[in-house]
Amino acid sequence: FAVIAGIFIKMPALQIFISAGFALFSGAVILLQTNQIVRGGETNYILA
């Protein structure tokens, strides 16, 4: 929703929020994906 809003609303604060949000989101995915591999929840290395 923030990215869609950013297309129409050119606010520096919104762009900072989107970039910071994606950085945190990506970090969470890396942590979860690695954890799933370690715990045996993810066995397909292609998808990982």
All heavy atoms as atom14 arrays in JSON, in Angstrom:
{
  "sequence": "FAVIAGIFIKMPALQIFISAGFALFSGAVILLQTNQIVRGGETNYILA",
  "atom14_mask": [
    [1, 1, 1, 1, 1, 1, 1, 1, 1, 1, 1, 0, 0, 0],
    [1, 1, 1, 1, 1, 0, 0, 0, 0, 0, 0, 0, 0, 0],
    [1, 1, 1, 1, 1, 1, 1, 0, 0, 0, 0, 0, 0, 0],
    [1, 1, 1, 1, 1, 1, 1, 1, 0, 0, 0, 0, 0, 0],
    [1, 1, 1, 1, 1, 0, 0, 0, 0, 0, 0, 0, 0, 0],
    [1, 1, 1, 1, 0, 0, 0, 0, 0, 0, 0, 0, 0, 0],
    [1, 1, 1, 1, 1, 1, 1, 1, 0, 0, 0, 0, 0, 0],
    [1, 1, 1, 1, 1, 1, 1, 1, 1, 1, 1, 0, 0, 0],
    [1, 1, 1, 1, 1, 1, 1, 1, 0, 0, 0, 0, 0, 0],
    [1, 1, 1, 1, 1, 1, 1, 1, 1, 0, 0, 0, 0, 0],
    [1, 1, 1, 1, 1, 1, 1, 1, 0, 0, 0, 0, 0, 0],
    [1, 1, 1, 1, 1, 1, 1, 0, 0, 0, 0, 0, 0, 0],
    [1, 1, 1, 1, 1, 0, 0, 0, 0, 0, 0, 0, 0, 0],
    [1, 1, 1, 1, 1, 1, 1, 1, 0, 0, 0, 0, 0, 0],
    [1, 1, 1, 1, 1, 1, 1, 1, 1, 0, 0, 0, 0, 0],
    [1, 1, 1, 1, 1, 1, 1, 1, 0, 0, 0, 0, 0, 0],
    [1, 1, 1, 1, 1, 1, 1, 1, 1, 1, 1, 0, 0, 0],
    [1, 1, 1, 1, 1, 1, 1, 1, 0, 0, 0, 0, 0, 0],
    [1, 1, 1, 1, 1, 1, 0, 0, 0, 0, 0, 0, 0, 0],
    [1, 1, 1, 1, 1, 0, 0, 0, 0, 0, 0, 0, 0, 0],
    [1, 1, 1, 1, 0, 0, 0, 0, 0, 0, 0, 0, 0, 0],
    [1, 1, 1, 1, 1, 1, 1, 1, 1, 1, 1, 0, 0, 0],
    [1, 1, 1, 1, 1, 0, 0, 0, 0, 0, 0, 0, 0, 0],
    [1, 1, 1, 1, 1, 1, 1, 1, 0, 0, 0, 0, 0, 0],
    [1, 1, 1, 1, 1, 1, 1, 1, 1, 1, 1, 0, 0, 0],
    [1, 1, 1, 1, 1, 1, 0, 0, 0, 0, 0, 0, 0, 0],
    [1, 1, 1, 1, 0, 0, 0, 0, 0, 0, 0, 0, 0, 0],
    [1, 1, 1, 1, 1, 0, 0, 0, 0, 0, 0, 0, 0, 0],
    [1, 1, 1, 1, 1, 1, 1, 0, 0, 0, 0, 0, 0, 0],
    [1, 1, 1, 1, 1, 1, 1, 1, 0, 0, 0, 0, 0, 0],
    [1, 1, 1, 1, 1, 1, 1, 1, 0, 0, 0, 0, 0, 0],
    [1, 1, 1, 1, 1, 1, 1, 1, 0, 0, 0, 0, 0, 0],
    [1, 1, 1, 1, 1, 1, 1, 1, 1, 0, 0, 0, 0, 0],
    [1, 1, 1, 1, 1, 1, 1, 0, 0, 0, 0, 0, 0, 0],
    [1, 1, 1, 1, 1, 1, 1, 1, 0, 0, 0, 0, 0, 0],
    [1, 1, 1, 1, 1, 1, 1, 1, 1, 0, 0, 0, 0, 0],
    [1, 1, 1, 1, 1, 1, 1, 1, 0, 0, 0, 0, 0, 0],
    [1, 1, 1, 1, 1, 1, 1, 0, 0, 0, 0, 0, 0, 0],
    [1, 1, 1, 1, 1, 1, 1, 1, 1, 1, 1, 0, 0, 0],
    [1, 1, 1, 1, 0, 0, 0, 0, 0, 0, 0, 0, 0, 0],
    [1, 1, 1, 1, 0, 0, 0, 0, 0, 0, 0, 0, 0, 0],
    [1, 1, 1, 1, 1, 1, 1, 1, 1, 0, 0, 0, 0, 0],
    [1, 1, 1, 1, 1, 1, 1, 0, 0, 0, 0, 0, 0, 0],
    [1, 1, 1, 1, 1, 1, 1, 1, 0, 0, 0, 0, 0, 0],
    [1, 1, 1, 1, 1, 1, 1, 1, 1, 1, 1, 1, 0, 0],
    [1, 1, 1, 1, 1, 1, 1, 1, 0, 0, 0, 0, 0, 0],
    [1, 1, 1, 1, 1, 1, 1, 1, 0, 0, 0, 0, 0, 0],
    [1, 1, 1, 1, 1, 0, 0, 0, 0, 0, 0, 0, 0, 0]
  ],
  "atom14_positions": [
    [[0.84, -1.21, 0.0], [0.0, 0.0, 0.0], [0.87, 1.26, 0.0], [0.52, 2.26, -0.64], [-0.93, 0.0, 1.22], [-2.01, -1.06, 1.15], [-2.32, -1.83, 2.25], [-2.71, -1.28, -0.03], [-3.3, -2.8, 2.19], [-3.69, -2.26, -0.11], [-3.99, -3.03, 1.0], [0.0, 0.0, 0.0], [0.0, 0.0, 0.0], [0.0, 0.0, 0.0]],
    [[1.99, 1.21, 0.72], [2.88, 2.37, 0.76], [3.49, 2.65, -0.6], [3.62, 3.81, -1.01], [3.98, 2.14, 1.81], [0.0, 0.0, 0.0], [0.0, 0.0, 0.0], [0.0, 0.0, 0.0], [0.0, 0.0, 0.0], [0.0, 0.0, 0.0], [0.0, 0.0, 0.0], [0.0, 0.0, 0.0], [0.0, 0.0, 0.0], [0.0, 0.0, 0.0]],
    [[3.88, 1.59, -1.31], [4.46, 1.75, -2.65], [3.42, 2.34, -3.6], [3.73, 3.24, -4.4], [4.97, 0.4, -3.18], [5.31, 0.5, -4.67], [6.19, -0.05, -2.4], [0.0, 0.0, 0.0], [0.0, 0.0, 0.0], [0.0, 0.0, 0.0], [0.0, 0.0, 0.0], [0.0, 0.0, 0.0], [0.0, 0.0, 0.0], [0.0, 0.0, 0.0]],
    [[2.19, 1.85, -3.54], [1.11, 2.38, -4.39], [0.87, 3.85, -4.07], [0.73, 4.69, -4.97], [-0.18, 1.56, -4.21], [0.02, 0.13, -4.72], [-1.34, 2.23, -4.95], [-1.15, -0.8, -4.44], [0.0, 0.0, 0.0], [0.0, 0.0, 0.0], [0.0, 0.0, 0.0], [0.0, 0.0, 0.0], [0.0, 0.0, 0.0], [0.0, 0.0, 0.0]],
    [[0.85, 4.17, -2.78], [0.65, 5.56, -2.37], [1.81, 6.44, -2.83], [1.61, 7.6, -3.24], [0.51, 5.65, -0.85], [0.0, 0.0, 0.0], [0.0, 0.0, 0.0], [0.0, 0.0, 0.0], [0.0, 0.0, 0.0], [0.0, 0.0, 0.0], [0.0, 0.0, 0.0], [0.0, 0.0, 0.0], [0.0, 0.0, 0.0], [0.0, 0.0, 0.0]],
    [[3.03, 5.86, -2.81], [4.2, 6.62, -3.22], [4.2, 7.0, -4.68], [4.87, 7.94, -5.09], [0.0, 0.0, 0.0], [0.0, 0.0, 0.0], [0.0, 0.0, 0.0], [0.0, 0.0, 0.0], [0.0, 0.0, 0.0], [0.0, 0.0, 0.0], [0.0, 0.0, 0.0], [0.0, 0.0, 0.0], [0.0, 0.0, 0.0], [0.0, 0.0, 0.0]],
    [[3.44, 6.25, -5.5], [3.34, 6.58, -6.92], [2.62, 7.91, -7.11], [2.94, 8.69, -8.0], [2.6, 5.46, -7.68], [3.41, 4.16, -7.6], [2.37, 5.85, -9.14], [2.7, 2.96, -8.21], [0.0, 0.0, 0.0], [0.0, 0.0, 0.0], [0.0, 0.0, 0.0], [0.0, 0.0, 0.0], [0.0, 0.0, 0.0], [0.0, 0.0, 0.0]],
    [[1.63, 8.17, -6.23], [0.81, 9.38, -6.37], [1.22, 10.49, -5.4], [0.97, 11.66, -5.67], [-0.66, 9.02, -6.12], [-1.18, 7.92, -7.01], [-1.27, 6.61, -6.56], [-1.55, 8.19, -8.33], [-1.74, 5.59, -7.38], [-2.01, 7.19, -9.16], [-2.1, 5.89, -8.7], [0.0, 0.0, 0.0], [0.0, 0.0, 0.0], [0.0, 0.0, 0.0]],
    [[1.83, 10.1, -4.28], [2.21, 11.09, -3.27], [3.73, 11.18, -3.21], [4.38, 10.23, -2.77], [1.65, 10.72, -1.88], [0.13, 10.53, -1.94], [2.01, 11.78, -0.86], [-0.47, 10.02, -0.65], [0.0, 0.0, 0.0], [0.0, 0.0, 0.0], [0.0, 0.0, 0.0], [0.0, 0.0, 0.0], [0.0, 0.0, 0.0], [0.0, 0.0, 0.0]],
    [[4.27, 12.29, -3.63], [5.72, 12.46, -3.65], [6.18, 13.13, -2.35], [6.39, 14.34, -2.3], [6.14, 13.29, -4.87], [5.69, 12.71, -6.2], [6.25, 11.3, -6.43], [5.81, 10.72, -7.77], [6.33, 9.36, -7.98], [0.0, 0.0, 0.0], [0.0, 0.0, 0.0], [0.0, 0.0, 0.0], [0.0, 0.0, 0.0], [0.0, 0.0, 0.0]],
    [[6.3, 12.32, -1.32], [6.74, 12.82, -0.02], [8.05, 12.13, 0.37], [8.12, 10.9, 0.38], [5.69, 12.54, 1.06], [4.41, 13.35, 0.93], [3.21, 12.86, 2.19], [4.19, 13.06, 3.69], [0.0, 0.0, 0.0], [0.0, 0.0, 0.0], [0.0, 0.0, 0.0], [0.0, 0.0, 0.0], [0.0, 0.0, 0.0], [0.0, 0.0, 0.0]],
    [[9.08, 12.92, 0.67], [10.37, 12.31, 1.09], [10.21, 11.39, 2.28], [10.84, 10.33, 2.34], [11.23, 13.53, 1.43], [10.66, 14.64, 0.61], [9.18, 14.38, 0.57], [0.0, 0.0, 0.0], [0.0, 0.0, 0.0], [0.0, 0.0, 0.0], [0.0, 0.0, 0.0], [0.0, 0.0, 0.0], [0.0, 0.0, 0.0], [0.0, 0.0, 0.0]],
    [[9.36, 11.77, 3.24], [9.17, 10.95, 4.44], [8.59, 9.58, 4.07], [8.97, 8.56, 4.66], [8.25, 11.66, 5.43], [0.0, 0.0, 0.0], [0.0, 0.0, 0.0], [0.0, 0.0, 0.0], [0.0, 0.0, 0.0], [0.0, 0.0, 0.0], [0.0, 0.0, 0.0], [0.0, 0.0, 0.0], [0.0, 0.0, 0.0], [0.0, 0.0, 0.0]],
    [[7.69, 9.56, 3.08], [7.09, 8.29, 2.66], [8.13, 7.42, 1.97], [8.16, 6.19, 2.18], [5.91, 8.56, 1.72], [5.17, 7.32, 1.18], [4.62, 6.49, 2.33], [4.05, 7.73, 0.23], [0.0, 0.0, 0.0], [0.0, 0.0, 0.0], [0.0, 0.0, 0.0], [0.0, 0.0, 0.0], [0.0, 0.0, 0.0], [0.0, 0.0, 0.0]],
    [[8.99, 8.03, 1.17], [10.04, 7.27, 0.5], [11.03, 6.68, 1.5], [11.51, 5.56, 1.33], [10.78, 8.17, -0.51], [9.89, 8.74, -1.6], [9.15, 7.67, -2.38], [9.72, 6.64, -2.71], [7.87, 7.9, -2.67], [0.0, 0.0, 0.0], [0.0, 0.0, 0.0], [0.0, 0.0, 0.0], [0.0, 0.0, 0.0], [0.0, 0.0, 0.0]],
    [[11.33, 7.44, 2.54], [12.22, 6.93, 3.59], [11.56, 5.75, 4.31], [12.2, 4.73, 4.59], [12.55, 8.04, 4.6], [13.42, 9.11, 3.93], [13.28, 7.47, 5.83], [13.68, 10.32, 4.81], [0.0, 0.0, 0.0], [0.0, 0.0, 0.0], [0.0, 0.0, 0.0], [0.0, 0.0, 0.0], [0.0, 0.0, 0.0], [0.0, 0.0, 0.0]],
    [[10.26, 5.88, 4.58], [9.51, 4.8, 5.23], [9.53, 3.53, 4.38], [9.74, 2.43, 4.9], [8.07, 5.23, 5.49], [7.17, 4.12, 5.94], [7.19, 3.68, 7.26], [6.32, 3.48, 5.04], [6.37, 2.64, 7.68], [5.5, 2.44, 5.45], [5.53, 2.01, 6.77], [0.0, 0.0, 0.0], [0.0, 0.0, 0.0], [0.0, 0.0, 0.0]],
    [[9.32, 3.69, 3.07], [9.29, 2.53, 2.18], [10.66, 1.85, 2.14], [10.76, 0.62, 2.26], [8.88, 2.96, 0.75], [7.41, 3.41, 0.75], [9.08, 1.82, -0.24], [6.95, 4.02, -0.57], [0.0, 0.0, 0.0], [0.0, 0.0, 0.0], [0.0, 0.0, 0.0], [0.0, 0.0, 0.0], [0.0, 0.0, 0.0], [0.0, 0.0, 0.0]],
    [[11.72, 2.63, 2.0], [13.07, 2.05, 1.93], [13.44, 1.37, 3.24], [13.96, 0.24, 3.24], [14.09, 3.14, 1.59], [13.86, 3.66, 0.29], [0.0, 0.0, 0.0], [0.0, 0.0, 0.0], [0.0, 0.0, 0.0], [0.0, 0.0, 0.0], [0.0, 0.0, 0.0], [0.0, 0.0, 0.0], [0.0, 0.0, 0.0], [0.0, 0.0, 0.0]],
    [[13.18, 2.04, 4.37], [13.49, 1.45, 5.67], [12.63, 0.21, 5.91], [13.11, -0.8, 6.46], [13.27, 2.48, 6.78], [0.0, 0.0, 0.0], [0.0, 0.0, 0.0], [0.0, 0.0, 0.0], [0.0, 0.0, 0.0], [0.0, 0.0, 0.0], [0.0, 0.0, 0.0], [0.0, 0.0, 0.0], [0.0, 0.0, 0.0], [0.0, 0.0, 0.0]],
    [[11.38, 0.28, 5.48], [10.47, -0.85, 5.66], [10.92, -2.07, 4.87], [10.9, -3.2, 5.38], [0.0, 0.0, 0.0], [0.0, 0.0, 0.0], [0.0, 0.0, 0.0], [0.0, 0.0, 0.0], [0.0, 0.0, 0.0], [0.0, 0.0, 0.0], [0.0, 0.0, 0.0], [0.0, 0.0, 0.0], [0.0, 0.0, 0.0], [0.0, 0.0, 0.0]],
    [[11.37, -1.86, 3.64], [11.86, -2.98, 2.82], [13.13, -3.58, 3.4], [13.34, -4.79, 3.33], [12.1, -2.52, 1.38], [10.92, -2.76, 0.47], [10.16, -1.7, 0.01], [10.57, -4.04, 0.09], [9.07, -1.91, -0.82], [9.49, -4.27, -0.75], [8.73, -3.2, -1.2], [0.0, 0.0, 0.0], [0.0, 0.0, 0.0], [0.0, 0.0, 0.0]],
    [[13.99, -2.73, 3.96], [15.22, -3.23, 4.57], [14.89, -4.14, 5.76], [15.46, -5.23, 5.9], [16.1, -2.07, 5.01], [0.0, 0.0, 0.0], [0.0, 0.0, 0.0], [0.0, 0.0, 0.0], [0.0, 0.0, 0.0], [0.0, 0.0, 0.0], [0.0, 0.0, 0.0], [0.0, 0.0, 0.0], [0.0, 0.0, 0.0], [0.0, 0.0, 0.0]],
    [[13.97, -3.7, 6.62], [13.57, -4.5, 7.78], [12.83, -5.75, 7.34], [13.04, -6.84, 7.9], [12.69, -3.66, 8.71], [13.37, -2.5, 9.43], [12.34, -1.66, 10.19], [14.44, -3.02, 10.38], [0.0, 0.0, 0.0], [0.0, 0.0, 0.0], [0.0, 0.0, 0.0], [0.0, 0.0, 0.0], [0.0, 0.0, 0.0], [0.0, 0.0, 0.0]],
    [[11.96, -5.62, 6.36], [11.2, -6.76, 5.83], [12.15, -7.81, 5.27], [12.0, -9.02, 5.55], [10.25, -6.26, 4.74], [9.44, -7.34, 4.08], [8.27, -7.78, 4.66], [9.85, -7.91, 2.88], [7.5, -8.78, 4.06], [9.1, -8.9, 2.28], [7.93, -9.34, 2.87], [0.0, 0.0, 0.0], [0.0, 0.0, 0.0], [0.0, 0.0, 0.0]],
    [[13.14, -7.38, 4.52], [14.11, -8.31, 3.93], [14.93, -9.01, 5.01], [15.2, -10.21, 4.92], [15.05, -7.56, 2.98], [14.32, -6.95, 1.93], [0.0, 0.0, 0.0], [0.0, 0.0, 0.0], [0.0, 0.0, 0.0], [0.0, 0.0, 0.0], [0.0, 0.0, 0.0], [0.0, 0.0, 0.0], [0.0, 0.0, 0.0], [0.0, 0.0, 0.0]],
    [[15.29, -8.26, 6.04], [16.03, -8.85, 7.15], [15.22, -9.94, 7.85], [15.76, -10.99, 8.21], [0.0, 0.0, 0.0], [0.0, 0.0, 0.0], [0.0, 0.0, 0.0], [0.0, 0.0, 0.0], [0.0, 0.0, 0.0], [0.0, 0.0, 0.0], [0.0, 0.0, 0.0], [0.0, 0.0, 0.0], [0.0, 0.0, 0.0], [0.0, 0.0, 0.0]],
    [[13.93, -9.68, 8.03], [13.06, -10.67, 8.67], [12.94, -11.94, 7.83], [12.95, -13.05, 8.36], [11.67, -10.06, 8.92], [0.0, 0.0, 0.0], [0.0, 0.0, 0.0], [0.0, 0.0, 0.0], [0.0, 0.0, 0.0], [0.0, 0.0, 0.0], [0.0, 0.0, 0.0], [0.0, 0.0, 0.0], [0.0, 0.0, 0.0], [0.0, 0.0, 0.0]],
    [[12.85, -11.77, 6.51], [12.75, -12.93, 5.61], [14.04, -13.75, 5.65], [14.0, -14.99, 5.68], [12.45, -12.47, 4.16], [12.52, -13.67, 3.21], [11.08, -11.82, 4.08], [0.0, 0.0, 0.0], [0.0, 0.0, 0.0], [0.0, 0.0, 0.0], [0.0, 0.0, 0.0], [0.0, 0.0, 0.0], [0.0, 0.0, 0.0], [0.0, 0.0, 0.0]],
    [[15.19, -13.08, 5.65], [16.47, -13.79, 5.72], [16.57, -14.59, 7.01], [16.97, -15.76, 7.01], [17.64, -12.79, 5.62], [17.71, -12.19, 4.22], [18.97, -13.47, 5.97], [18.7, -11.05, 4.08], [0.0, 0.0, 0.0], [0.0, 0.0, 0.0], [0.0, 0.0, 0.0], [0.0, 0.0, 0.0], [0.0, 0.0, 0.0], [0.0, 0.0, 0.0]],
    [[16.18, -13.97, 8.12], [16.24, -14.64, 9.42], [15.31, -15.84, 9.46], [15.69, -16.94, 9.89], [15.86, -13.65, 10.53], [16.03, -14.11, 11.98], [17.47, -14.47, 12.28], [15.55, -13.02, 12.94], [0.0, 0.0, 0.0], [0.0, 0.0, 0.0], [0.0, 0.0, 0.0], [0.0, 0.0, 0.0], [0.0, 0.0, 0.0], [0.0, 0.0, 0.0]],
    [[14.08, -15.66, 8.97], [13.1, -16.74, 8.99], [13.49, -17.87, 8.04], [13.4, -19.05, 8.4], [11.72, -16.2, 8.62], [10.58, -17.23, 8.57], [10.38, -17.88, 9.92], [9.28, -16.59, 8.09], [0.0, 0.0, 0.0], [0.0, 0.0, 0.0], [0.0, 0.0, 0.0], [0.0, 0.0, 0.0], [0.0, 0.0, 0.0], [0.0, 0.0, 0.0]],
    [[13.93, -17.52, 6.83], [14.29, -18.54, 5.85], [15.46, -19.39, 6.33], [15.43, -20.62, 6.22], [14.65, -17.88, 4.52], [15.0, -18.85, 3.41], [13.84, -19.73, 3.0], [13.04, -19.37, 2.17], [13.74, -20.92, 3.57], [0.0, 0.0, 0.0], [0.0, 0.0, 0.0], [0.0, 0.0, 0.0], [0.0, 0.0, 0.0], [0.0, 0.0, 0.0]],
    [[16.48, -18.75, 6.87], [17.62, -19.49, 7.39], [17.21, -20.38, 8.55], [17.65, -21.53, 8.67], [18.74, -18.52, 7.83], [19.05, -17.63, 6.76], [19.99, -19.28, 8.23], [0.0, 0.0, 0.0], [0.0, 0.0, 0.0], [0.0, 0.0, 0.0], [0.0, 0.0, 0.0], [0.0, 0.0, 0.0], [0.0, 0.0, 0.0], [0.0, 0.0, 0.0]],
    [[16.36, -19.84, 9.42], [15.88, -20.6, 10.57], [15.08, -21.83, 10.13], [15.21, -22.91, 10.71], [15.02, -19.69, 11.45], [14.48, -20.4, 12.67], [13.28, -20.65, 12.77], [15.35, -20.72, 13.62], [0.0, 0.0, 0.0], [0.0, 0.0, 0.0], [0.0, 0.0, 0.0], [0.0, 0.0, 0.0], [0.0, 0.0, 0.0], [0.0, 0.0, 0.0]],
    [[14.27, -21.67, 9.08], [13.48, -22.79, 8.59], [14.37, -23.9, 8.02], [14.07, -25.08, 8.18], [12.5, -22.3, 7.52], [11.34, -21.5, 8.08], [10.39, -21.01, 6.99], [10.8, -20.81, 5.85], [9.13, -20.81, 7.34], [0.0, 0.0, 0.0], [0.0, 0.0, 0.0], [0.0, 0.0, 0.0], [0.0, 0.0, 0.0], [0.0, 0.0, 0.0]],
    [[15.47, -23.5, 7.38], [16.41, -24.5, 6.86], [17.05, -25.25, 8.01], [17.13, -26.49, 8.01], [17.48, -23.84, 5.99], [16.86, -23.19, 4.74], [18.54, -24.87, 5.57], [17.85, -22.39, 3.92], [0.0, 0.0, 0.0], [0.0, 0.0, 0.0], [0.0, 0.0, 0.0], [0.0, 0.0, 0.0], [0.0, 0.0, 0.0], [0.0, 0.0, 0.0]],
    [[17.52, -24.52, 9.01], [18.21, -25.12, 10.15], [17.3, -26.09, 10.9], [17.73, -27.16, 11.34], [18.72, -24.02, 11.11], [19.27, -24.64, 12.39], [19.79, -23.19, 10.42], [0.0, 0.0, 0.0], [0.0, 0.0, 0.0], [0.0, 0.0, 0.0], [0.0, 0.0, 0.0], [0.0, 0.0, 0.0], [0.0, 0.0, 0.0], [0.0, 0.0, 0.0]],
    [[16.03, -25.72, 11.05], [15.09, -26.54, 11.81], [14.4, -27.61, 10.96], [13.53, -28.33, 11.46], [14.04, -25.64, 12.48], [14.64, -24.67, 13.49], [13.58, -23.73, 14.06], [12.59, -24.48, 14.82], [12.72, -24.79, 16.11], [13.81, -24.44, 16.78], [11.77, -25.45, 16.74], [0.0, 0.0, 0.0], [0.0, 0.0, 0.0], [0.0, 0.0, 0.0]],
    [[14.77, -27.7, 9.68], [14.22, -28.73, 8.82], [12.88, -28.4, 8.2], [12.24, -29.25, 7.58], [0.0, 0.0, 0.0], [0.0, 0.0, 0.0], [0.0, 0.0, 0.0], [0.0, 0.0, 0.0], [0.0, 0.0, 0.0], [0.0, 0.0, 0.0], [0.0, 0.0, 0.0], [0.0, 0.0, 0.0], [0.0, 0.0, 0.0], [0.0, 0.0, 0.0]],
    [[12.44, -27.14, 8.36], [11.15, -26.74, 7.8], [11.2, -26.45, 6.32], [10.18, -26.46, 5.63], [0.0, 0.0, 0.0], [0.0, 0.0, 0.0], [0.0, 0.0, 0.0], [0.0, 0.0, 0.0], [0.0, 0.0, 0.0], [0.0, 0.0, 0.0], [0.0, 0.0, 0.0], [0.0, 0.0, 0.0], [0.0, 0.0, 0.0], [0.0, 0.0, 0.0]],
    [[12.4, -26.15, 5.81], [12.6, -25.9, 4.38], [13.64, -26.87, 3.86], [14.79, -26.86, 4.3], [13.06, -24.45, 4.16], [13.37, -24.12, 2.72], [12.17, -24.25, 1.8], [11.37, -23.31, 1.76], [12.04, -25.33, 1.15], [0.0, 0.0, 0.0], [0.0, 0.0, 0.0], [0.0, 0.0, 0.0], [0.0, 0.0, 0.0], [0.0, 0.0, 0.0]],
    [[13.23, -27.72, 2.94], [14.14, -28.74, 2.41], [14.45, -28.54, 0.93], [15.25, -29.29, 0.37], [13.54, -30.15, 2.6], [12.26, -30.21, 1.94], [13.36, -30.46, 4.08], [0.0, 0.0, 0.0], [0.0, 0.0, 0.0], [0.0, 0.0, 0.0], [0.0, 0.0, 0.0], [0.0, 0.0, 0.0], [0.0, 0.0, 0.0], [0.0, 0.0, 0.0]],
    [[13.82, -27.54, 0.31], [14.06, -27.29, -1.11], [15.03, -26.11, -1.26], [14.66, -24.96, -1.02], [12.74, -26.99, -1.83], [12.89, -26.97, -3.33], [13.56, -26.11, -3.89], [12.28, -27.94, -4.01], [0.0, 0.0, 0.0], [0.0, 0.0, 0.0], [0.0, 0.0, 0.0], [0.0, 0.0, 0.0], [0.0, 0.0, 0.0], [0.0, 0.0, 0.0]],
    [[16.26, -26.42, -1.64], [17.27, -25.37, -1.69], [17.05, -24.39, -2.84], [17.54, -23.25, -2.81], [18.68, -25.98, -1.78], [19.02, -26.66, -3.08], [19.68, -25.97, -4.09], [18.69, -27.99, -3.3], [20.01, -26.59, -5.28], [19.01, -28.61, -4.5], [19.67, -27.91, -5.48], [20.0, -28.53, -6.66], [0.0, 0.0, 0.0], [0.0, 0.0, 0.0]],
    [[16.31, -24.8, -3.86], [16.03, -23.9, -4.97], [15.13, -22.76, -4.51], [15.41, -21.58, -4.76], [15.39, -24.67, -6.14], [16.42, -25.58, -6.8], [14.79, -23.71, -7.18], [15.89, -26.41, -7.95], [0.0, 0.0, 0.0], [0.0, 0.0, 0.0], [0.0, 0.0, 0.0], [0.0, 0.0, 0.0], [0.0, 0.0, 0.0], [0.0, 0.0, 0.0]],
    [[14.05, -23.1, -3.8], [13.15, -22.07, -3.29], [13.84, -21.22, -2.22], [13.64, -20.0, -2.16], [11.89, -22.71, -2.71], [10.98, -23.46, -3.7], [9.74, -23.96, -3.0], [10.61, -22.55, -4.88], [0.0, 0.0, 0.0], [0.0, 0.0, 0.0], [0.0, 0.0, 0.0], [0.0, 0.0, 0.0], [0.0, 0.0, 0.0], [0.0, 0.0, 0.0]],
    [[14.65, -21.86, -1.38], [15.36, -21.13, -0.33], [16.32, -20.12, -0.96], [16.44, -18.97, -0.49], [16.13, -22.1, 0.56], [0.0, 0.0, 0.0], [0.0, 0.0, 0.0], [0.0, 0.0, 0.0], [0.0, 0.0, 0.0], [0.0, 0.0, 0.0], [0.0, 0.0, 0.0], [0.0, 0.0, 0.0], [0.0, 0.0, 0.0], [0.0, 0.0, 0.0]]
  ]
}
